[in-house]
Amino acid sequence: MPSPAQAAVSPAAPKRIALPRSSTRLQQNVAYIKIVTRIRTESWGGVAFDGTLYTPGRVVDLESLPRPLIAIECAGPIGAWRRGKRRETLYILWRFDVALQEWREIARAQAEDWRWSVALRDAAHQALHPRPELVDVIKQSRELADEILGLIDNRLRDAAPDVKTSALHAVYEEVAGRIVNCA
């Protein structure tokens, strides 16, 4: 059983990861993974996902891949094959969670033509351009100020009155200068 100190340390990020693979052996000739780097809306209504093509399940260096790491997997045709009938193709949108070191499915679509790209466009855009987490600036700044004031109070507790006055004046001058530089 790991000690609490060992449990608190997160495992190191893997140097190599396996790309997703939902396709079967029979679908290998049509299946692929595209690591998405950019999304372009085309004039004819479809969406173009720019990026690099890989074989599903391929092991690649994590450092060579973009962040955020988004992939579209073409998993091949779905359903039973029948002579003269077209089958829809399955596409899966994946996001690699670096903290958990695993692929997470975001969305999937199936179509006989380019319409799958439109179905995945919004989810892919949100994954490729995540919104920053909202921060409560007032709360965080108050907590930080309280922590700094606590440190000052602890440090000055046993100091002589003249030393306290001089130290607080020096801190005041330094803080005032930093406020001017932040504006």
C-alpha atoms as a PDB file:
ATOM      1  CA  MET A   1       0.000   0.000   0.000  1.00  0.00           C
ATOM      2  CA  PRO A   2       1.477   3.399  -0.966  1.00  0.00           C
ATOM      3  CA  SER A   3       2.215   5.941   1.736  1.00  0.00           C
ATOM      4  CA  PRO A   4       0.119   9.154   1.838  1.00  0.00           C
ATOM      5  CA  ALA A   5       3.079  11.057   0.404  1.00  0.00           C
ATOM      6  CA  GLN A   6       3.311   8.636  -2.533  1.00  0.00           C
ATOM      7  CA  ALA A   7      -0.458   8.786  -3.090  1.00  0.00           C
ATOM      8  CA  ALA A   8      -0.365  12.602  -3.239  1.00  0.00           C
ATOM      9  CA  VAL A   9       2.153  12.539  -6.093  1.00  0.00           C
ATOM     10  CA  SER A  10       0.423  12.093  -9.439  1.00  0.00           C
ATOM     11  CA  PRO A  11       1.987   9.630 -11.859  1.00  0.00           C
ATOM     12  CA  ALA A  12       4.263  11.027 -14.522  1.00  0.00           C
ATOM     13  CA  ALA A  13       2.649  11.642 -17.875  1.00  0.00           C
ATOM     14  CA  PRO A  14       3.306   8.802 -20.319  1.00  0.00           C
ATOM     15  CA  LYS A  15       5.954   9.437 -22.924  1.00  0.00           C
ATOM     16  CA  ARG A  16       4.083   7.310 -25.483  1.00  0.00           C
ATOM     17  CA  ILE A  17       0.365   6.723 -25.848  1.00  0.00           C
ATOM     18  CA  ALA A  18      -1.796   4.467 -27.983  1.00  0.00           C
ATOM     19  CA  LEU A  19      -4.292   6.185 -30.257  1.00  0.00           C
ATOM     20  CA  PRO A  20      -7.930   5.047 -30.010  1.00  0.00           C
ATOM     21  CA  ARG A  21      -9.039   1.987 -31.935  1.00  0.00           C
ATOM     22  CA  SER A  22     -12.711   1.079 -32.188  1.00  0.00           C
ATOM     23  CA  SER A  23     -12.501  -0.619 -35.562  1.00  0.00           C
ATOM     24  CA  THR A  24     -12.306  -4.358 -36.086  1.00  0.00           C
ATOM     25  CA  ARG A  25      -9.755  -6.304 -38.106  1.00  0.00           C
ATOM     26  CA  LEU A  26     -12.174  -6.371 -41.037  1.00  0.00           C
ATOM     27  CA  GLN A  27     -12.421  -2.559 -41.061  1.00  0.00           C
ATOM     28  CA  GLN A  28      -8.660  -1.921 -41.032  1.00  0.00           C
ATOM     29  CA  ASN A  29      -8.490  -0.933 -44.694  1.00  0.00           C
ATOM     30  CA  VAL A  30     -10.961   1.985 -44.197  1.00  0.00           C
ATOM     31  CA  ALA A  31     -10.318   3.001 -40.564  1.00  0.00           C
ATOM     32  CA  TYR A  32      -8.068   5.911 -39.590  1.00  0.00           C
ATOM     33  CA  ILE A  33      -7.360   8.457 -36.839  1.00  0.00           C
ATOM     34  CA  LYS A  34      -6.897  12.154 -37.550  1.00  0.00           C
ATOM     35  CA  ILE A  35      -5.280  14.312 -34.873  1.00  0.00           C
ATOM     36  CA  VAL A  36      -7.187  17.578 -35.341  1.00  0.00           C
ATOM     37  CA  THR A  37      -5.245  20.839 -35.373  1.00  0.00           C
ATOM     38  CA  ARG A  38      -7.755  23.126 -37.095  1.00  0.00           C
ATOM     39  CA  ILE A  39     -11.374  23.175 -38.256  1.00  0.00           C
ATOM     40  CA  ARG A  40     -12.384  24.819 -41.543  1.00  0.00           C
ATOM     41  CA  THR A  41     -15.964  25.307 -42.677  1.00  0.00           C
ATOM     42  CA  GLU A  42     -16.205  24.558 -46.366  1.00  0.00           C
ATOM     43  CA  SER A  43     -18.451  26.438 -48.794  1.00  0.00           C
ATOM     44  CA  TRP A  44     -20.381  23.319 -49.829  1.00  0.00           C
ATOM     45  CA  GLY A  45     -21.617  22.750 -46.276  1.00  0.00           C
ATOM     46  CA  GLY A  46     -19.136  20.175 -45.046  1.00  0.00           C
ATOM     47  CA  VAL A  47     -16.433  20.715 -42.477  1.00  0.00           C
ATOM     48  CA  ALA A  48     -12.744  20.061 -43.045  1.00  0.00           C
ATOM     49  CA  PHE A  49     -10.730  18.860 -40.079  1.00  0.00           C
ATOM     50  CA  ASP A  50      -7.053  19.637 -40.651  1.00  0.00           C
ATOM     51  CA  GLY A  51      -4.479  17.422 -39.008  1.00  0.00           C
ATOM     52  CA  THR A  52      -2.310  14.354 -39.327  1.00  0.00           C
ATOM     53  CA  LEU A  53      -3.551  10.866 -40.219  1.00  0.00           C
ATOM     54  CA  TYR A  54      -2.540   7.803 -38.209  1.00  0.00           C
ATOM     55  CA  THR A  55      -3.433   4.132 -38.048  1.00  0.00           C
ATOM     56  CA  PRO A  56      -5.909   3.366 -35.224  1.00  0.00           C
ATOM     57  CA  GLY A  57      -4.158   1.985 -32.148  1.00  0.00           C
ATOM     58  CA  ARG A  58      -0.738   3.271 -33.210  1.00  0.00           C
ATOM     59  CA  VAL A  59       1.623   4.159 -30.356  1.00  0.00           C
ATOM     60  CA  VAL A  60       3.002   7.702 -30.685  1.00  0.00           C
ATOM     61  CA  ASP A  61       5.121  10.108 -28.634  1.00  0.00           C
ATOM     62  CA  LEU A  62       2.820  12.291 -26.554  1.00  0.00           C
ATOM     63  CA  GLU A  63       5.191  15.249 -26.775  1.00  0.00           C
ATOM     64  CA  SER A  64       4.917  15.294 -30.588  1.00  0.00           C
ATOM     65  CA  LEU A  65       1.138  15.793 -30.451  1.00  0.00           C
ATOM     66  CA  PRO A  66      -0.686  19.145 -30.144  1.00  0.00           C
ATOM     67  CA  ARG A  67      -2.516  20.408 -27.063  1.00  0.00           C
ATOM     68  CA  PRO A  68      -5.400  20.118 -26.587  1.00  0.00           C
ATOM     69  CA  LEU A  69      -5.184  16.633 -28.075  1.00  0.00           C
ATOM     70  CA  ILE A  70      -8.324  15.972 -30.144  1.00  0.00           C
ATOM     71  CA  ALA A  71      -8.768  13.046 -32.535  1.00  0.00           C
ATOM     72  CA  ILE A  72     -11.428  11.930 -34.982  1.00  0.00           C
ATOM     73  CA  GLU A  73     -11.594   8.206 -35.553  1.00  0.00           C
ATOM     74  CA  CYS A  74     -13.149   6.786 -38.673  1.00  0.00           C
ATOM     75  CA  ALA A  75     -14.128   3.383 -37.308  1.00  0.00           C
ATOM     76  CA  GLY A  76     -15.401   2.058 -40.620  1.00  0.00           C
ATOM     77  CA  PRO A  77     -18.795   0.976 -41.931  1.00  0.00           C
ATOM     78  CA  ILE A  78     -21.458  -0.156 -39.479  1.00  0.00           C
ATOM     79  CA  GLY A  79     -24.258  -2.617 -39.866  1.00  0.00           C
ATOM     80  CA  ALA A  80     -24.567  -5.797 -41.869  1.00  0.00           C
ATOM     81  CA  TRP A  81     -23.190  -5.857 -45.401  1.00  0.00           C
ATOM     82  CA  ARG A  82     -25.745  -6.411 -48.159  1.00  0.00           C
ATOM     83  CA  ARG A  83     -25.058  -6.508 -51.853  1.00  0.00           C
ATOM     84  CA  GLY A  84     -25.903  -3.211 -53.540  1.00  0.00           C
ATOM     85  CA  LYS A  85     -26.628  -1.373 -50.248  1.00  0.00           C
ATOM     86  CA  ARG A  86     -24.506   1.446 -48.888  1.00  0.00           C
ATOM     87  CA  ARG A  87     -23.655   1.418 -45.191  1.00  0.00           C
ATOM     88  CA  GLU A  88     -23.106   4.380 -42.915  1.00  0.00           C
ATOM     89  CA  THR A  89     -19.608   4.989 -41.580  1.00  0.00           C
ATOM     90  CA  LEU A  90     -19.001   5.582 -37.866  1.00  0.00           C
ATOM     91  CA  TYR A  91     -16.918   8.576 -36.738  1.00  0.00           C
ATOM     92  CA  ILE A  92     -15.904   9.100 -33.108  1.00  0.00           C
ATOM     93  CA  LEU A  93     -14.540  12.333 -31.641  1.00  0.00           C
ATOM     94  CA  TRP A  94     -11.971  11.759 -28.877  1.00  0.00           C
ATOM     95  CA  ARG A  95     -10.133  14.006 -26.384  1.00  0.00           C
ATOM     96  CA  PHE A  96      -7.013  12.842 -24.546  1.00  0.00           C
ATOM     97  CA  ASP A  97      -7.197  13.599 -20.818  1.00  0.00           C
ATOM     98  CA  VAL A  98      -3.569  14.159 -19.843  1.00  0.00           C
ATOM     99  CA  ALA A  99      -4.315  14.074 -16.088  1.00  0.00           C
ATOM    100  CA  LEU A 100      -6.036  10.677 -16.310  1.00  0.00           C
ATOM    101  CA  GLN A 101      -3.827   9.514 -19.192  1.00  0.00           C
ATOM    102  CA  GLU A 102      -6.739   8.160 -21.187  1.00  0.00           C
ATOM    103  CA  TRP A 103      -8.897   8.889 -24.203  1.00  0.00           C
ATOM    104  CA  ARG A 104     -12.409  10.199 -23.550  1.00  0.00           C
ATOM    105  CA  GLU A 105     -15.154   9.946 -26.135  1.00  0.00           C
ATOM    106  CA  ILE A 106     -16.784  13.322 -26.749  1.00  0.00           C
ATOM    107  CA  ALA A 107     -19.246  12.567 -29.529  1.00  0.00           C
ATOM    108  CA  ARG A 108     -20.012  10.195 -32.387  1.00  0.00           C
ATOM    109  CA  ALA A 109     -21.777  10.441 -35.697  1.00  0.00           C
ATOM    110  CA  GLN A 110     -22.601   8.148 -38.579  1.00  0.00           C
ATOM    111  CA  ALA A 111     -23.446   8.957 -42.148  1.00  0.00           C
ATOM    112  CA  GLU A 112     -23.061   7.729 -45.712  1.00  0.00           C
ATOM    113  CA  ASP A 113     -21.487  11.024 -46.802  1.00  0.00           C
ATOM    114  CA  TRP A 114     -19.913  14.245 -45.444  1.00  0.00           C
ATOM    115  CA  ARG A 115     -22.808  15.026 -43.076  1.00  0.00           C
ATOM    116  CA  TRP A 116     -20.928  13.400 -40.175  1.00  0.00           C
ATOM    117  CA  SER A 117     -18.487  16.336 -40.278  1.00  0.00           C
ATOM    118  CA  VAL A 118     -21.286  18.838 -39.656  1.00  0.00           C
ATOM    119  CA  ALA A 119     -22.620  16.719 -36.783  1.00  0.00           C
ATOM    120  CA  LEU A 120     -19.209  16.741 -35.057  1.00  0.00           C
ATOM    121  CA  ARG A 121     -18.264  20.354 -35.879  1.00  0.00           C
ATOM    122  CA  ASP A 122     -19.514  22.091 -32.706  1.00  0.00           C
ATOM    123  CA  ALA A 123     -18.240  19.453 -30.296  1.00  0.00           C
ATOM    124  CA  ALA A 124     -14.851  19.440 -32.046  1.00  0.00           C
ATOM    125  CA  HIS A 125     -14.649  23.238 -31.942  1.00  0.00           C
ATOM    126  CA  GLN A 126     -15.421  23.313 -28.214  1.00  0.00           C
ATOM    127  CA  ALA A 127     -12.827  20.613 -27.533  1.00  0.00           C
ATOM    128  CA  LEU A 128     -10.182  22.327 -29.669  1.00  0.00           C
ATOM    129  CA  HIS A 129     -10.880  25.763 -28.140  1.00  0.00           C
ATOM    130  CA  PRO A 130     -11.862  25.113 -24.504  1.00  0.00           C
ATOM    131  CA  ARG A 131     -13.169  28.073 -22.577  1.00  0.00           C
ATOM    132  CA  PRO A 132     -10.971  29.062 -19.661  1.00  0.00           C
ATOM    133  CA  GLU A 133     -12.279  28.215 -16.235  1.00  0.00           C
ATOM    134  CA  LEU A 134     -14.096  31.110 -14.588  1.00  0.00           C
ATOM    135  CA  VAL A 135     -12.278  32.450 -11.537  1.00  0.00           C
ATOM    136  CA  ASP A 136     -13.766  34.303  -8.581  1.00  0.00           C
ATOM    137  CA  VAL A 137     -11.208  37.130  -8.575  1.00  0.00           C
ATOM    138  CA  ILE A 138     -12.601  38.835  -5.465  1.00  0.00           C
ATOM    139  CA  LYS A 139     -12.574  35.635  -3.395  1.00  0.00           C
ATOM    140  CA  GLN A 140      -9.111  34.528  -4.530  1.00  0.00           C
ATOM    141  CA  SER A 141      -7.574  37.968  -4.041  1.00  0.00           C
ATOM    142  CA  ARG A 142      -9.097  38.259  -0.541  1.00  0.00           C
ATOM    143  CA  GLU A 143      -7.752  34.823   0.438  1.00  0.00           C
ATOM    144  CA  LEU A 144      -4.306  35.741  -0.876  1.00  0.00           C
ATOM    145  CA  ALA A 145      -4.342  39.108   0.930  1.00  0.00           C
ATOM    146  CA  ASP A 146      -5.360  37.412   4.196  1.00  0.00           C
ATOM    147  CA  GLU A 147      -2.508  34.928   3.808  1.00  0.00           C
ATOM    148  CA  ILE A 148       0.038  37.713   3.157  1.00  0.00           C
ATOM    149  CA  LEU A 149      -1.241  39.774   6.113  1.00  0.00           C
ATOM    150  CA  GLY A 150      -1.019  36.700   8.332  1.00  0.00           C
ATOM    151  CA  LEU A 151       2.619  36.240   7.330  1.00  0.00           C
ATOM    152  CA  ILE A 152       3.342  39.906   8.050  1.00  0.00           C
ATOM    153  CA  ASP A 153       1.632  39.724  11.465  1.00  0.00           C
ATOM    154  CA  ASN A 154       3.548  36.567  12.431  1.00  0.00           C
ATOM    155  CA  ARG A 155       6.877  38.026  11.324  1.00  0.00           C
ATOM    156  CA  LEU A 156       6.375  41.372  13.115  1.00  0.00           C
ATOM    157  CA  ARG A 157       4.883  39.933  16.324  1.00  0.00           C
ATOM    158  CA  ASP A 158       8.112  40.096  18.380  1.00  0.00           C
ATOM    159  CA  ALA A 159       9.731  43.078  16.631  1.00  0.00           C
ATOM    160  CA  ALA A 160      10.358  46.416  18.387  1.00  0.00           C
ATOM    161  CA  PRO A 161       7.831  49.187  17.586  1.00  0.00           C
ATOM    162  CA  ASP A 162      10.371  51.222  15.566  1.00  0.00           C
ATOM    163  CA  VAL A 163      11.308  48.122  13.529  1.00  0.00           C
ATOM    164  CA  LYS A 164       7.598  47.357  12.880  1.00  0.00           C
ATOM    165  CA  THR A 165       6.976  50.907  11.683  1.00  0.00           C
ATOM    166  CA  SER A 166      10.011  50.928   9.404  1.00  0.00           C
ATOM    167  CA  ALA A 167       9.250  47.450   7.987  1.00  0.00           C
ATOM    168  CA  LEU A 168       5.580  48.284   7.337  1.00  0.00           C
ATOM    169  CA  HIS A 169       6.577  51.549   5.640  1.00  0.00           C
ATOM    170  CA  ALA A 170       9.023  49.658   3.375  1.00  0.00           C
ATOM    171  CA  VAL A 171       6.315  47.095   2.524  1.00  0.00           C
ATOM    172  CA  TYR A 172       3.846  49.934   1.840  1.00  0.00           C
ATOM    173  CA  GLU A 173       6.266  51.628  -0.580  1.00  0.00           C
ATOM    174  CA  GLU A 174       6.990  48.331  -2.380  1.00  0.00           C
ATOM    175  CA  VAL A 175       3.292  47.410  -2.657  1.00  0.00           C
ATOM    176  CA  ALA A 176       2.378  50.894  -3.920  1.00  0.00           C
ATOM    177  CA  GLY A 177       5.035  50.578  -6.631  1.00  0.00           C
ATOM    178  CA  ARG A 178       3.743  47.161  -7.651  1.00  0.00           C
ATOM    179  CA  ILE A 179       0.175  48.464  -7.866  1.00  0.00           C
ATOM    180  CA  VAL A 180       1.349  51.195 -10.245  1.00  0.00           C
ATOM    181  CA  ASN A 181       3.106  48.577 -12.388  1.00  0.00           C
ATOM    182  CA  CYS A 182      -0.076  46.428 -12.553  1.00  0.00           C
ATOM    183  CA  ALA A 183      -2.232  49.263 -13.881  1.00  0.00           C
END
